[in-house]
Amino acid sequence: MSVGELGCTYAALLLFDDGIPITAEKITTVVKAANISVESYWPSLFAKLFEKRDIEDLILTVGTGGGSAVAVAAAPVGGGTAAPVAEEKKEEIKEDSDEDLGLSLFD
């Protein structure tokens, strides 16, 4: 990760934390105030990214590999749909017992 990219990342996080809309001009202002030299395209790329994606979603899903993991994690909050899925997995585990394989010690 380049210094410019990292600087814009921290600038966007700072703006988000203060509740200020993330724009290219504001990212540039924060980066200049921090005395960091960045290429002119970084602030606009970050601003375009945060127009389309919510920064909070990106923070919460870091390291999960994508949106599908978020949907699985968010399902228990919704209530009814997550419980049957968990029950189905438990039933599958019960089916994989030693009786099926004939490995019982007391036969």
Protein backbone atom coordinates (compact mmCIF):
# COMPACT_ATOMS: atom_id res chain seq x y z
CA MET A 1 0.00 0.00 0.00
CA SER A 2 1.45 3.35 -1.00
CA VAL A 3 1.80 6.31 1.35
CA GLY A 4 -0.80 8.23 -0.67
CA GLU A 5 -3.31 5.40 -0.48
CA LEU A 6 -2.74 4.98 3.25
CA GLY A 7 -3.05 8.73 3.82
CA CYS A 8 -6.36 8.84 1.96
CA THR A 9 -7.58 5.83 3.93
CA TYR A 10 -6.87 7.54 7.24
CA ALA A 11 -8.35 10.80 5.97
CA ALA A 12 -11.57 9.02 4.99
CA LEU A 13 -11.74 7.29 8.37
CA LEU A 14 -11.19 10.61 10.12
CA LEU A 15 -13.96 12.28 8.11
CA PHE A 16 -16.31 9.36 8.73
CA ASP A 17 -15.60 9.40 12.45
CA ASP A 18 -16.46 13.10 12.64
CA GLY A 19 -19.63 12.61 10.58
CA ILE A 20 -18.37 14.76 7.71
CA PRO A 21 -19.32 13.70 4.16
CA ILE A 22 -16.35 12.13 2.39
CA THR A 23 -15.45 14.11 -0.73
CA ALA A 24 -12.26 14.42 -2.75
CA GLU A 25 -11.78 18.02 -1.61
CA LYS A 26 -12.11 17.14 2.06
CA ILE A 27 -9.75 14.18 1.74
CA THR A 28 -7.24 16.45 0.00
CA THR A 29 -7.60 19.05 2.77
CA VAL A 30 -6.97 16.48 5.51
CA VAL A 31 -4.01 14.97 3.69
CA LYS A 32 -2.44 18.39 3.10
CA ALA A 33 -2.99 19.33 6.75
CA ALA A 34 -1.12 16.16 7.72
CA ASN A 35 1.72 17.20 5.38
CA ILE A 36 1.44 14.03 3.29
CA SER A 37 2.19 14.08 -0.41
CA VAL A 38 -0.31 12.04 -2.46
CA GLU A 39 -0.91 11.55 -6.16
CA SER A 40 -3.84 13.64 -7.37
CA TYR A 41 -5.97 10.61 -8.30
CA TRP A 42 -6.16 9.02 -4.84
CA PRO A 43 -8.62 11.45 -3.20
CA SER A 44 -11.05 11.24 -6.12
CA LEU A 45 -10.86 7.42 -6.17
CA PHE A 46 -11.63 7.25 -2.48
CA ALA A 47 -14.47 9.76 -2.81
CA LYS A 48 -16.03 7.72 -5.64
CA LEU A 49 -15.68 4.54 -3.59
CA PHE A 50 -17.50 6.02 -0.62
CA GLU A 51 -20.27 7.39 -2.83
CA LYS A 52 -21.11 3.79 -3.77
CA ARG A 53 -20.15 1.88 -0.63
CA ASP A 54 -20.80 2.68 3.00
CA ILE A 55 -17.55 2.99 4.92
CA GLU A 56 -19.11 1.33 7.96
CA ASP A 57 -19.91 -1.78 5.89
CA LEU A 58 -16.32 -1.91 4.69
CA ILE A 59 -15.03 -1.65 8.24
CA LEU A 60 -17.33 -4.37 9.53
CA THR A 61 -16.62 -6.79 6.69
CA VAL A 62 -12.85 -6.48 6.57
CA GLY A 63 -11.32 -9.92 6.34
CA THR A 64 -14.60 -11.75 5.76
CA GLY A 65 -14.04 -12.26 2.06
CA GLY A 66 -17.15 -10.54 0.79
CA GLY A 67 -20.81 -9.87 1.24
CA SER A 68 -21.94 -13.48 1.69
CA ALA A 69 -20.36 -13.70 5.12
CA VAL A 70 -22.14 -10.53 6.15
CA ALA A 71 -25.47 -12.00 5.12
CA VAL A 72 -24.82 -15.08 7.25
CA ALA A 73 -23.75 -12.98 10.21
CA ALA A 74 -26.73 -10.65 9.82
CA ALA A 75 -29.26 -13.48 9.58
CA PRO A 76 -29.47 -14.16 13.36
CA VAL A 77 -30.42 -10.53 13.90
CA GLY A 78 -33.43 -11.04 11.63
CA GLY A 79 -34.74 -13.85 13.77
CA GLY A 80 -36.65 -16.71 12.17
CA THR A 81 -34.53 -17.70 9.20
CA ALA A 82 -31.28 -18.45 10.99
CA ALA A 83 -32.61 -20.97 13.53
CA PRO A 84 -33.78 -23.64 11.00
CA VAL A 85 -30.43 -23.47 9.22
CA ALA A 86 -28.61 -24.11 12.47
CA GLU A 87 -30.97 -26.99 13.30
CA GLU A 88 -30.36 -28.62 9.92
CA LYS A 89 -26.62 -28.54 10.51
CA LYS A 90 -27.07 -30.15 13.93
CA GLU A 91 -29.17 -32.92 12.41
CA GLU A 92 -26.45 -33.65 9.87
CA ILE A 93 -23.89 -33.98 12.63
CA LYS A 94 -26.12 -36.47 14.47
CA GLU A 95 -26.29 -38.63 11.36
CA ASP A 96 -22.50 -38.96 11.27
CA SER A 97 -22.22 -41.19 14.32
CA ASP A 98 -20.04 -44.25 14.94
CA GLU A 99 -23.05 -46.59 14.67
CA ASP A 100 -23.19 -46.03 10.93
CA LEU A 101 -19.57 -47.07 10.55
CA GLY A 102 -19.69 -50.12 12.79
CA LEU A 103 -16.89 -48.83 15.00
CA SER A 104 -18.59 -49.29 18.35
CA LEU A 105 -16.38 -50.71 21.11
CA PHE A 106 -19.22 -52.65 22.73
CA ASP A 107 -20.56 -54.74 19.78
